Every structure is written in structure tokens, then in C-alpha cells.
Amino acid sequence: MTSLPFAGFRALLVHAHPDDETINNGATMSYYASLGAKITLITCTRGEEGEVLVPGLSHLASSEGDQLGSHRVLELKEAMAILGISDHRFLGNDTIKFRDSGMMGTEPNNRPDVFWQADVDAAAQLVVDVIHEVKPHVLLTYDEIGGYGHPDHIQAHRVAMRAAELSPQSGNGWEIKKIYWNAMPKSVIAQGIEAMKASGSDFFGAESVDDLPFVKDDELVTAVVDGTAHVDAKMAAMKAHETQIAVDGPFFALSNNLGSQIWGLEYYSLVKGVAAAPFNADGRETDLFAGLNPE
């Protein structure tokens, strides 16, 4: 019996809230998991301060019943089942939990229990414990501005990168060989914005790709995973996050204008490790585990 091609390879993802993992890496996670890789997801908060997009569930909001976090736990569980990911966990333990920080400058951002207020080294040690347990070859997380500046995304970046630094130095030390940050090339989103303008719509209200903080100059985007065979699973997982991703919102509108396949290509910037073949015509890596050996 032939083993799956990525059996023995392991990746760790560190995300801020439920739904971030599906939007950024859903196709990548499903693709590698289907081919035998062990995928571990750490979600740092339960997304308690998220905006509830379903009117019938508005009572869950933090300003009302403050039950959104427990509901988003269920949404995440459903999304991960769709993507084929069995190892997903929240940062912390029975006594340590981190609350969604809300946006910068808001009242929730000052609460002592929010992730933004956490000690980076202490939170990183919790990630180190997971690293020592699962021994990932590859780490996926955000860039230094957390993609678009949300404090929990920035903190997730800081904690994940600090954990990768600390892990080889302690206990059952493990060095992560390659680290990638999520990235979205300007050219891809620019194409989408123009297509949506032509249909009388927009993408997050942007007139130009330069209005969007999360896009990257194309030359900074060094890798792409072709998960188009898993795009249906990704779209279904996005729908599972019903309180956060509206089916008539910008993500699905972009799919309507460019085809859902746009969400099957997921882009990254390599910030640690050595890029290795195979490369596509743009010179980007097409396999995040390239150049590594299963251990």
C-alpha cells in the first residue's frame, strides 16, 4: 500500500480568531491534510468581540448576552470537520484563556484578560508546549502588522514568532525549519476589485488596491499553494462561520466575479528557511514542505 505523499510532514498554524484560519489557509490545510500531512491549528481567542452578521443571532454579541465566543467555538469545529482537520485547539489551558481584544482603541482592548494585554513570553511558552508536542516542520501565521492591524493578529504574530525562537532553547527543543506569513499579492486583489467595479459592487469599500492594508507587493510574495481541488471545502467552511462571513458579503462577491477558484490559490511569504523547488512560472515555491524531510 502506497503511503500518502505528505505522510510524516507536520505544519502548525497560529491564528487570532475562529474564521481567520479558513479565510487565509483553508485550501492549504485541506490540501495537505488530504495528502497525509499532520495539521495543527492554534486559535488564540474565541472571537468574543466579533460583529454578528446574522440578525437572528444578534443576542450573542458581547454588547448583549456575550455568548458569541462559545458559538464561534462550534462554528470552528464544523469548519475544521469540513476541511478534514482533527487537531485544532485554543491557546491556553483549563486555567488560562485569552479573550478577543476587539479593535485598537475600543473599550474591550483595555480589559486585563484580552489577548492584546497578554505577556508575550508567557503566551509564547504555551505555543512552545504545543511545538514540543507536535514537532512541526512548518509554521504559518501573520506578518508583523497582523495582515490588517487587528491587535489580536499582531499579538498572534508576536507570540508565534517568539515561540519559534524559544522552542529550540528549552526542554525537548524543536526547531521549526520554515516559517511563512500569510500574504495576498496586489495583482490578484486588483483584478478582483476591477471585476467587482464592473458589476457595480466593491470589495470592503475599496476604490483601489492601495486602499487595502493587507495586500503585498507581488515581489514580496514568495510561495503559493494550489488548493483549487479543495476550494469547495474552503467555501463550505467559510459558510460554517456564519456569524462572521456573510454569504452575500465581499468574500463571496469576489468569488461571484472571479469564480470561487480565486480562493483556491493561497499565497505566502517565506521568512525563515530556504526556498526549494518546485517553483511556478513566477518563481514562487509551490510546496511549503519543499526541501524538508519528514522526521
C-alpha atoms as a PDB file:
ATOM      1  CA  MET A   1       0.000   0.000   0.000  1.00  0.00           C
ATOM      2  CA  THR A   2       1.483   3.348  -1.058  1.00  0.00           C
ATOM      3  CA  SER A   3       1.664   5.946   1.701  1.00  0.00           C
ATOM      4  CA  LEU A   4       0.259   9.411   1.132  1.00  0.00           C
ATOM      5  CA  PRO A   5       2.863  11.827  -0.281  1.00  0.00           C
ATOM      6  CA  PHE A   6       2.967  14.122   2.742  1.00  0.00           C
ATOM      7  CA  ALA A   7       2.754  11.487   5.458  1.00  0.00           C
ATOM      8  CA  GLY A   8       5.245  12.373   8.203  1.00  0.00           C
ATOM      9  CA  PHE A   9       5.169  16.109   7.486  1.00  0.00           C
ATOM     10  CA  ARG A  10       3.668  18.450  10.056  1.00  0.00           C
ATOM     11  CA  ALA A  11       2.502  22.078   9.979  1.00  0.00           C
ATOM     12  CA  LEU A  12       1.390  24.397  12.771  1.00  0.00           C
ATOM     13  CA  LEU A  13      -0.895  27.380  12.184  1.00  0.00           C
ATOM     14  CA  VAL A  14      -1.347  30.168  14.726  1.00  0.00           C
ATOM     15  CA  HIS A  15      -4.443  32.325  14.224  1.00  0.00           C
ATOM     16  CA  ALA A  16      -6.223  35.007  16.222  1.00  0.00           C
ATOM     17  CA  HIS A  17      -9.937  34.148  15.936  1.00  0.00           C
ATOM     18  CA  PRO A  18     -12.179  31.413  14.566  1.00  0.00           C
ATOM     19  CA  ASP A  19     -12.660  32.039  10.796  1.00  0.00           C
ATOM     20  CA  ASP A  20      -9.171  33.530  10.239  1.00  0.00           C
ATOM     21  CA  GLU A  21      -7.780  30.073   9.503  1.00  0.00           C
ATOM     22  CA  THR A  22     -10.366  29.315   6.814  1.00  0.00           C
ATOM     23  CA  ILE A  23     -10.101  32.680   5.049  1.00  0.00           C
ATOM     24  CA  ASN A  24      -6.300  32.618   4.970  1.00  0.00           C
ATOM     25  CA  ASN A  25      -5.379  28.936   4.806  1.00  0.00           C
ATOM     26  CA  GLY A  26      -8.482  26.816   4.322  1.00  0.00           C
ATOM     27  CA  ALA A  27      -7.459  25.360   0.965  1.00  0.00           C
ATOM     28  CA  THR A  28      -3.867  24.819   2.116  1.00  0.00           C
ATOM     29  CA  MET A  29      -4.975  22.990   5.250  1.00  0.00           C
ATOM     30  CA  SER A  30      -7.419  20.768   3.385  1.00  0.00           C
ATOM     31  CA  TYR A  31      -4.933  20.043   0.589  1.00  0.00           C
ATOM     32  CA  TYR A  32      -2.077  18.926   2.820  1.00  0.00           C
ATOM     33  CA  ALA A  33      -4.305  17.067   5.277  1.00  0.00           C
ATOM     34  CA  SER A  34      -5.843  15.081   2.417  1.00  0.00           C
ATOM     35  CA  LEU A  35      -2.354  14.021   1.355  1.00  0.00           C
ATOM     36  CA  GLY A  36      -1.258  12.800   4.771  1.00  0.00           C
ATOM     37  CA  ALA A  37       0.310  15.801   6.490  1.00  0.00           C
ATOM     38  CA  LYS A  38      -0.491  16.415  10.169  1.00  0.00           C
ATOM     39  CA  ILE A  39      -2.036  19.875  10.503  1.00  0.00           C
ATOM     40  CA  THR A  40      -2.332  21.530  13.928  1.00  0.00           C
ATOM     41  CA  LEU A  41      -4.276  24.756  14.426  1.00  0.00           C
ATOM     42  CA  ILE A  42      -3.925  27.034  17.449  1.00  0.00           C
ATOM     43  CA  THR A  43      -6.624  29.701  17.749  1.00  0.00           C
ATOM     44  CA  CYS A  44      -5.640  32.354  20.281  1.00  0.00           C
ATOM     45  CA  THR A  45      -9.101  33.687  21.201  1.00  0.00           C
ATOM     46  CA  ARG A  46     -12.720  32.680  20.765  1.00  0.00           C
ATOM     47  CA  GLY A  47     -13.631  35.849  18.898  1.00  0.00           C
ATOM     48  CA  GLU A  48     -15.964  37.200  21.553  1.00  0.00           C
ATOM     49  CA  GLU A  49     -15.901  40.760  20.193  1.00  0.00           C
ATOM     50  CA  GLY A  50     -16.719  39.890  16.599  1.00  0.00           C
ATOM     51  CA  GLU A  51     -19.574  41.575  14.763  1.00  0.00           C
ATOM     52  CA  VAL A  52     -22.592  39.283  14.438  1.00  0.00           C
ATOM     53  CA  LEU A  53     -23.740  39.312  10.823  1.00  0.00           C
ATOM     54  CA  VAL A  54     -26.809  37.112  11.349  1.00  0.00           C
ATOM     55  CA  PRO A  55     -29.706  39.235  12.718  1.00  0.00           C
ATOM     56  CA  GLY A  56     -31.294  36.230  14.399  1.00  0.00           C
ATOM     57  CA  LEU A  57     -28.117  35.683  16.419  1.00  0.00           C
ATOM     58  CA  SER A  58     -27.532  39.298  17.465  1.00  0.00           C
ATOM     59  CA  HIS A  59     -28.288  38.335  21.070  1.00  0.00           C
ATOM     60  CA  LEU A  60     -24.926  36.533  21.175  1.00  0.00           C
ATOM     61  CA  ALA A  61     -22.933  39.771  20.790  1.00  0.00           C
ATOM     62  CA  SER A  62     -20.673  40.967  23.592  1.00  0.00           C
ATOM     63  CA  SER A  63     -22.901  44.030  23.989  1.00  0.00           C
ATOM     64  CA  GLU A  64     -25.887  41.763  24.720  1.00  0.00           C
ATOM     65  CA  GLY A  65     -25.629  38.181  26.004  1.00  0.00           C
ATOM     66  CA  ASP A  66     -21.849  37.894  25.477  1.00  0.00           C
ATOM     67  CA  GLN A  67     -22.203  34.326  24.215  1.00  0.00           C
ATOM     68  CA  LEU A  68     -20.578  34.791  20.821  1.00  0.00           C
ATOM     69  CA  GLY A  69     -17.344  33.089  21.857  1.00  0.00           C
ATOM     70  CA  SER A  70     -18.989  29.783  22.709  1.00  0.00           C
ATOM     71  CA  HIS A  71     -20.975  29.923  19.462  1.00  0.00           C
ATOM     72  CA  ARG A  72     -17.833  30.547  17.413  1.00  0.00           C
ATOM     73  CA  VAL A  73     -16.215  27.521  19.046  1.00  0.00           C
ATOM     74  CA  LEU A  74     -18.959  25.440  17.416  1.00  0.00           C
ATOM     75  CA  GLU A  75     -18.513  27.233  14.091  1.00  0.00           C
ATOM     76  CA  LEU A  76     -14.799  26.450  14.169  1.00  0.00           C
ATOM     77  CA  LYS A  77     -15.453  22.801  14.992  1.00  0.00           C
ATOM     78  CA  GLU A  78     -17.773  22.499  11.995  1.00  0.00           C
ATOM     79  CA  ALA A  79     -15.356  24.298   9.667  1.00  0.00           C
ATOM     80  CA  MET A  80     -12.458  22.062  10.686  1.00  0.00           C
ATOM     81  CA  ALA A  81     -14.538  18.935  10.131  1.00  0.00           C
ATOM     82  CA  ILE A  82     -15.272  20.163   6.612  1.00  0.00           C
ATOM     83  CA  LEU A  83     -11.566  20.798   5.948  1.00  0.00           C
ATOM     84  CA  GLY A  84     -10.507  17.452   7.435  1.00  0.00           C
ATOM     85  CA  ILE A  85      -8.551  18.925  10.367  1.00  0.00           C
ATOM     86  CA  SER A  86      -8.795  16.960  13.611  1.00  0.00           C
ATOM     87  CA  ASP A  87      -6.138  18.740  15.703  1.00  0.00           C
ATOM     88  CA  HIS A  88      -7.461  22.203  16.492  1.00  0.00           C
ATOM     89  CA  ARG A  89      -7.087  23.772  19.902  1.00  0.00           C
ATOM     90  CA  PHE A  90      -7.357  27.114  21.650  1.00  0.00           C
ATOM     91  CA  LEU A  91      -4.314  28.798  23.135  1.00  0.00           C
ATOM     92  CA  GLY A  92      -4.096  28.189  26.858  1.00  0.00           C
ATOM     93  CA  ASN A  93      -5.353  25.501  29.202  1.00  0.00           C
ATOM     94  CA  ASP A  94      -8.006  24.881  31.841  1.00  0.00           C
ATOM     95  CA  THR A  95      -6.928  27.956  33.813  1.00  0.00           C
ATOM     96  CA  ILE A  96      -5.561  30.261  31.100  1.00  0.00           C
ATOM     97  CA  LYS A  97      -7.776  31.654  28.352  1.00  0.00           C
ATOM     98  CA  PHE A  98      -7.424  34.757  26.234  1.00  0.00           C
ATOM     99  CA  ARG A  99     -10.376  36.924  25.274  1.00  0.00           C
ATOM    100  CA  ASP A 100     -10.814  38.679  21.947  1.00  0.00           C
ATOM    101  CA  SER A 101      -9.273  42.154  22.239  1.00  0.00           C
ATOM    102  CA  GLY A 102     -11.568  43.999  19.866  1.00  0.00           C
ATOM    103  CA  MET A 103     -10.191  46.751  17.681  1.00  0.00           C
ATOM    104  CA  MET A 104      -7.452  49.127  18.795  1.00  0.00           C
ATOM    105  CA  GLY A 105      -8.740  51.999  20.892  1.00  0.00           C
ATOM    106  CA  THR A 106     -12.016  50.323  21.883  1.00  0.00           C
ATOM    107  CA  GLU A 107     -13.078  49.654  25.464  1.00  0.00           C
ATOM    108  CA  PRO A 108     -12.589  45.840  25.260  1.00  0.00           C
ATOM    109  CA  ASN A 109      -8.983  46.414  24.224  1.00  0.00           C
ATOM    110  CA  ASN A 110      -8.180  47.597  27.751  1.00  0.00           C
ATOM    111  CA  ARG A 111      -9.583  44.580  29.596  1.00  0.00           C
ATOM    112  CA  PRO A 112      -6.848  42.687  31.506  1.00  0.00           C
ATOM    113  CA  ASP A 113      -7.996  39.310  30.165  1.00  0.00           C
ATOM    114  CA  VAL A 114      -7.734  40.115  26.459  1.00  0.00           C
ATOM    115  CA  PHE A 115      -5.035  38.649  24.251  1.00  0.00           C
ATOM    116  CA  TRP A 116      -3.551  42.053  23.434  1.00  0.00           C
ATOM    117  CA  GLN A 117      -2.718  42.545  27.120  1.00  0.00           C
ATOM    118  CA  ALA A 118      -1.077  39.128  27.499  1.00  0.00           C
ATOM    119  CA  ASP A 119       2.596  38.806  28.296  1.00  0.00           C
ATOM    120  CA  VAL A 120       4.184  37.744  25.003  1.00  0.00           C
ATOM    121  CA  ASP A 121       6.738  35.374  26.539  1.00  0.00           C
ATOM    122  CA  ALA A 122       4.142  33.686  28.756  1.00  0.00           C
ATOM    123  CA  ALA A 123       1.755  33.209  25.839  1.00  0.00           C
ATOM    124  CA  ALA A 124       4.622  32.063  23.627  1.00  0.00           C
ATOM    125  CA  GLN A 125       5.524  29.366  26.141  1.00  0.00           C
ATOM    126  CA  LEU A 126       2.047  27.921  25.709  1.00  0.00           C
ATOM    127  CA  VAL A 127       2.761  27.673  21.984  1.00  0.00           C
ATOM    128  CA  VAL A 128       6.194  26.178  22.719  1.00  0.00           C
ATOM    129  CA  ASP A 129       4.462  23.397  24.630  1.00  0.00           C
ATOM    130  CA  VAL A 130       2.440  22.573  21.504  1.00  0.00           C
ATOM    131  CA  ILE A 131       5.537  22.791  19.309  1.00  0.00           C
ATOM    132  CA  HIS A 132       7.339  20.285  21.522  1.00  0.00           C
ATOM    133  CA  GLU A 133       4.321  18.010  21.354  1.00  0.00           C
ATOM    134  CA  VAL A 134       3.623  18.014  17.611  1.00  0.00           C
ATOM    135  CA  LYS A 135       7.090  18.953  16.252  1.00  0.00           C
ATOM    136  CA  PRO A 136       6.007  20.940  13.199  1.00  0.00           C
ATOM    137  CA  HIS A 137       8.309  21.356  10.221  1.00  0.00           C
ATOM    138  CA  VAL A 138       6.459  24.475   9.046  1.00  0.00           C
ATOM    139  CA  LEU A 139       4.769  27.377  10.857  1.00  0.00           C
ATOM    140  CA  LEU A 140       2.108  29.583   9.257  1.00  0.00           C
ATOM    141  CA  THR A 141       0.986  32.861  10.832  1.00  0.00           C
ATOM    142  CA  TYR A 142       0.524  36.580  10.116  1.00  0.00           C
ATOM    143  CA  ASP A 143       3.030  39.262   9.229  1.00  0.00           C
ATOM    144  CA  GLU A 144       4.190  41.916  11.686  1.00  0.00           C
ATOM    145  CA  ILE A 145       1.080  44.073  11.179  1.00  0.00           C
ATOM    146  CA  GLY A 146      -1.237  41.106  11.524  1.00  0.00           C
ATOM    147  CA  GLY A 147      -2.408  41.473   7.955  1.00  0.00           C
ATOM    148  CA  TYR A 148      -4.606  44.490   8.577  1.00  0.00           C
ATOM    149  CA  GLY A 149      -3.703  45.799  12.015  1.00  0.00           C
ATOM    150  CA  HIS A 150      -6.101  43.989  14.348  1.00  0.00           C
ATOM    151  CA  PRO A 151      -4.387  43.809  17.765  1.00  0.00           C
ATOM    152  CA  ASP A 152      -5.070  40.081  18.142  1.00  0.00           C
ATOM    153  CA  HIS A 153      -3.498  39.385  14.747  1.00  0.00           C
ATOM    154  CA  ILE A 154      -0.438  41.431  15.673  1.00  0.00           C
ATOM    155  CA  GLN A 155      -0.215  39.630  19.003  1.00  0.00           C
ATOM    156  CA  ALA A 156      -0.629  36.227  17.337  1.00  0.00           C
ATOM    157  CA  HIS A 157       2.319  37.112  15.086  1.00  0.00           C
ATOM    158  CA  ARG A 158       4.438  38.180  18.053  1.00  0.00           C
ATOM    159  CA  VAL A 159       3.560  35.111  20.121  1.00  0.00           C
ATOM    160  CA  ALA A 160       4.073  32.644  17.268  1.00  0.00           C
ATOM    161  CA  MET A 161       7.415  34.116  16.238  1.00  0.00           C
ATOM    162  CA  ARG A 162       8.624  34.283  19.835  1.00  0.00           C
ATOM    163  CA  ALA A 163       7.596  30.652  20.342  1.00  0.00           C
ATOM    164  CA  ALA A 164       9.566  29.609  17.272  1.00  0.00           C
ATOM    165  CA  GLU A 165      12.566  31.434  18.739  1.00  0.00           C
ATOM    166  CA  LEU A 166      12.209  29.894  22.207  1.00  0.00           C
ATOM    167  CA  SER A 167      11.404  26.333  21.182  1.00  0.00           C
ATOM    168  CA  PRO A 168      14.942  25.165  20.279  1.00  0.00           C
ATOM    169  CA  GLN A 169      16.298  26.601  23.534  1.00  0.00           C
ATOM    170  CA  SER A 170      14.187  24.712  26.037  1.00  0.00           C
ATOM    171  CA  GLY A 171      13.263  21.237  27.178  1.00  0.00           C
ATOM    172  CA  ASN A 172      12.596  18.931  24.275  1.00  0.00           C
ATOM    173  CA  GLY A 173      13.830  21.614  21.918  1.00  0.00           C
ATOM    174  CA  TRP A 174      12.460  21.611  18.388  1.00  0.00           C
ATOM    175  CA  GLU A 175      13.459  23.999  15.624  1.00  0.00           C
ATOM    176  CA  ILE A 176      10.840  24.865  13.029  1.00  0.00           C
ATOM    177  CA  LYS A 177      12.607  24.711   9.683  1.00  0.00           C
ATOM    178  CA  LYS A 178      10.400  27.028   7.615  1.00  0.00           C
ATOM    179  CA  ILE A 179       8.135  29.900   8.618  1.00  0.00           C
ATOM    180  CA  TYR A 180       5.636  31.527   6.280  1.00  0.00           C
ATOM    181  CA  TRP A 181       3.472  34.603   6.722  1.00  0.00           C
ATOM    182  CA  ASN A 182       0.108  34.851   5.008  1.00  0.00           C
ATOM    183  CA  ALA A 183       0.201  37.156   2.000  1.00  0.00           C
ATOM    184  CA  MET A 184      -2.104  38.393  -0.748  1.00  0.00           C
ATOM    185  CA  PRO A 185      -0.481  39.766  -3.929  1.00  0.00           C
ATOM    186  CA  LYS A 186      -1.643  43.192  -5.060  1.00  0.00           C
ATOM    187  CA  SER A 187      -2.156  41.976  -8.602  1.00  0.00           C
ATOM    188  CA  VAL A 188      -4.678  39.330  -7.527  1.00  0.00           C
ATOM    189  CA  ILE A 189      -6.846  41.681  -5.475  1.00  0.00           C
ATOM    190  CA  ALA A 190      -6.520  44.473  -8.055  1.00  0.00           C
ATOM    191  CA  GLN A 191      -8.015  42.120 -10.625  1.00  0.00           C
ATOM    192  CA  GLY A 192     -10.843  41.324  -8.252  1.00  0.00           C
ATOM    193  CA  ILE A 193     -11.606  44.963  -7.463  1.00  0.00           C
ATOM    194  CA  GLU A 194     -11.835  45.857 -11.146  1.00  0.00           C
ATOM    195  CA  ALA A 195     -14.124  42.898 -11.822  1.00  0.00           C
ATOM    196  CA  MET A 196     -16.373  43.890  -8.937  1.00  0.00           C
ATOM    197  CA  LYS A 197     -16.490  47.527 -10.052  1.00  0.00           C
ATOM    198  CA  ALA A 198     -17.641  46.340 -13.456  1.00  0.00           C
ATOM    199  CA  SER A 199     -20.517  44.536 -11.767  1.00  0.00           C
ATOM    200  CA  GLY A 200     -21.451  47.569  -9.679  1.00  0.00           C
ATOM    201  CA  SER A 201     -20.017  46.191  -6.452  1.00  0.00           C
ATOM    202  CA  ASP A 202     -16.903  46.763  -4.363  1.00  0.00           C
ATOM    203  CA  PHE A 203     -14.546  44.869  -2.055  1.00  0.00           C
ATOM    204  CA  PHE A 204     -14.634  46.223   1.510  1.00  0.00           C
ATOM    205  CA  GLY A 205     -15.435  49.632   0.009  1.00  0.00           C
ATOM    206  CA  ALA A 206     -12.046  49.841  -1.722  1.00  0.00           C
ATOM    207  CA  GLU A 207     -11.749  52.015  -4.818  1.00  0.00           C
ATOM    208  CA  SER A 208      -8.189  50.880  -5.372  1.00  0.00           C
ATOM    209  CA  VAL A 209      -6.000  48.016  -4.241  1.00  0.00           C
ATOM    210  CA  ASP A 210      -3.873  50.629  -2.454  1.00  0.00           C
ATOM    211  CA  ASP A 211      -6.789  51.248  -0.083  1.00  0.00           C
ATOM    212  CA  LEU A 212      -6.386  47.754   1.386  1.00  0.00           C
ATOM    213  CA  PRO A 213      -3.757  47.286   4.125  1.00  0.00           C
ATOM    214  CA  PHE A 214      -3.478  43.504   3.770  1.00  0.00           C
ATOM    215  CA  VAL A 215      -2.185  43.331   0.200  1.00  0.00           C
ATOM    216  CA  LYS A 216       1.514  42.851  -0.549  1.00  0.00           C
ATOM    217  CA  ASP A 217       3.702  43.927  -3.433  1.00  0.00           C
ATOM    218  CA  ASP A 218       3.939  40.919  -5.692  1.00  0.00           C
ATOM    219  CA  GLU A 219       7.698  40.602  -5.289  1.00  0.00           C
ATOM    220  CA  LEU A 220       7.272  40.028  -1.534  1.00  0.00           C
ATOM    221  CA  VAL A 221       5.036  37.016  -2.122  1.00  0.00           C
ATOM    222  CA  THR A 222       7.339  34.019  -2.435  1.00  0.00           C
ATOM    223  CA  ALA A 223       5.081  30.950  -2.326  1.00  0.00           C
ATOM    224  CA  VAL A 224       1.674  29.798  -3.496  1.00  0.00           C
ATOM    225  CA  VAL A 225      -0.263  26.638  -2.694  1.00  0.00           C
ATOM    226  CA  ASP A 226      -2.669  25.445  -5.374  1.00  0.00           C
ATOM    227  CA  GLY A 227      -5.583  24.114  -3.384  1.00  0.00           C
ATOM    228  CA  THR A 228      -8.175  24.580  -6.109  1.00  0.00           C
ATOM    229  CA  ALA A 229      -9.255  20.956  -5.751  1.00  0.00           C
ATOM    230  CA  HIS A 230     -10.275  21.866  -2.202  1.00  0.00           C
ATOM    231  CA  VAL A 231     -11.952  25.211  -2.872  1.00  0.00           C
ATOM    232  CA  ASP A 232     -15.449  23.789  -2.398  1.00  0.00           C
ATOM    233  CA  ALA A 233     -14.447  22.594   1.068  1.00  0.00           C
ATOM    234  CA  LYS A 234     -12.991  26.019   1.839  1.00  0.00           C
ATOM    235  CA  MET A 235     -16.159  27.799   0.732  1.00  0.00           C
ATOM    236  CA  ALA A 236     -18.284  25.416   2.796  1.00  0.00           C
ATOM    237  CA  ALA A 237     -16.024  26.016   5.804  1.00  0.00           C
ATOM    238  CA  MET A 238     -16.382  29.772   5.308  1.00  0.00           C
ATOM    239  CA  LYS A 239     -20.160  29.362   5.375  1.00  0.00           C
ATOM    240  CA  ALA A 240     -19.810  27.426   8.627  1.00  0.00           C
ATOM    241  CA  HIS A 241     -18.512  30.651  10.197  1.00  0.00           C
ATOM    242  CA  GLU A 242     -21.998  32.080   9.736  1.00  0.00           C
ATOM    243  CA  THR A 243     -21.800  34.860  12.313  1.00  0.00           C
ATOM    244  CA  GLN A 244     -18.663  36.323  10.695  1.00  0.00           C
ATOM    245  CA  ILE A 245     -18.758  35.711   6.937  1.00  0.00           C
ATOM    246  CA  ALA A 246     -21.899  36.794   5.112  1.00  0.00           C
ATOM    247  CA  VAL A 247     -22.754  34.726   2.051  1.00  0.00           C
ATOM    248  CA  ASP A 248     -23.664  37.983   0.280  1.00  0.00           C
ATOM    249  CA  GLY A 249     -20.587  39.795   1.589  1.00  0.00           C
ATOM    250  CA  PRO A 250     -17.288  40.746  -0.101  1.00  0.00           C
ATOM    251  CA  PHE A 251     -15.609  37.339   0.104  1.00  0.00           C
ATOM    252  CA  PHE A 252     -18.386  35.588  -1.751  1.00  0.00           C
ATOM    253  CA  ALA A 253     -18.903  38.584  -4.051  1.00  0.00           C
ATOM    254  CA  LEU A 254     -15.282  38.247  -5.124  1.00  0.00           C
ATOM    255  CA  SER A 255     -15.969  34.602  -5.901  1.00  0.00           C
ATOM    256  CA  ASN A 256     -19.033  35.563  -7.938  1.00  0.00           C
ATOM    257  CA  ASN A 257     -16.941  37.915 -10.067  1.00  0.00           C
ATOM    258  CA  LEU A 258     -13.759  35.887 -10.499  1.00  0.00           C
ATOM    259  CA  GLY A 259     -15.002  32.397  -9.733  1.00  0.00           C
ATOM    260  CA  SER A 260     -14.592  30.553  -6.448  1.00  0.00           C
ATOM    261  CA  GLN A 261     -11.222  29.277  -7.669  1.00  0.00           C
ATOM    262  CA  ILE A 262      -9.682  32.588  -6.568  1.00  0.00           C
ATOM    263  CA  TRP A 263      -9.884  31.230  -3.018  1.00  0.00           C
ATOM    264  CA  GLY A 264      -8.111  28.023  -4.006  1.00  0.00           C
ATOM    265  CA  LEU A 265      -4.758  29.738  -4.525  1.00  0.00           C
ATOM    266  CA  GLU A 266      -3.254  30.770  -1.174  1.00  0.00           C
ATOM    267  CA  TYR A 267      -0.145  32.913  -1.012  1.00  0.00           C
ATOM    268  CA  TYR A 268       2.722  33.213   1.459  1.00  0.00           C
ATOM    269  CA  SER A 269       5.993  34.963   2.183  1.00  0.00           C
ATOM    270  CA  LEU A 270       8.881  32.764   3.374  1.00  0.00           C
ATOM    271  CA  VAL A 271      10.588  34.480   6.327  1.00  0.00           C
ATOM    272  CA  LYS A 272      12.667  31.591   7.687  1.00  0.00           C
ATOM    273  CA  GLY A 273      14.220  28.699   5.833  1.00  0.00           C
ATOM    274  CA  VAL A 274      15.351  28.117   2.281  1.00  0.00           C
ATOM    275  CA  ALA A 275      13.034  28.189  -0.697  1.00  0.00           C
ATOM    276  CA  ALA A 276      13.184  24.988  -2.736  1.00  0.00           C
ATOM    277  CA  ALA A 277      11.808  23.590  -5.983  1.00  0.00           C
ATOM    278  CA  PRO A 278       9.252  23.167  -7.373  1.00  0.00           C
ATOM    279  CA  PHE A 279       8.699  26.789  -8.431  1.00  0.00           C
ATOM    280  CA  ASN A 280       5.987  28.167 -10.689  1.00  0.00           C
ATOM    281  CA  ALA A 281       6.452  30.489 -13.660  1.00  0.00           C
ATOM    282  CA  ASP A 282       6.528  33.486 -11.288  1.00  0.00           C
ATOM    283  CA  GLY A 283       9.399  31.959  -9.319  1.00  0.00           C
ATOM    284  CA  ARG A 284       7.236  31.158  -6.300  1.00  0.00           C
ATOM    285  CA  GLU A 285       7.525  27.965  -4.290  1.00  0.00           C
ATOM    286  CA  THR A 286       4.555  25.686  -4.813  1.00  0.00           C
ATOM    287  CA  ASP A 287       5.136  23.354  -1.852  1.00  0.00           C
ATOM    288  CA  LEU A 288       5.576  24.689   1.679  1.00  0.00           C
ATOM    289  CA  PHE A 289       7.400  21.486   2.725  1.00  0.00           C
ATOM    290  CA  ALA A 290       9.830  21.624  -0.220  1.00  0.00           C
ATOM    291  CA  GLY A 291      13.434  20.925   0.781  1.00  0.00           C
ATOM    292  CA  LEU A 292      12.425  19.269   4.074  1.00  0.00           C
ATOM    293  CA  ASN A 293      12.418  15.656   5.176  1.00  0.00           C
ATOM    294  CA  PRO A 294       9.811  14.044   7.428  1.00  0.00           C
ATOM    295  CA  GLU A 295      11.225  13.319  10.896  1.00  0.00           C
END
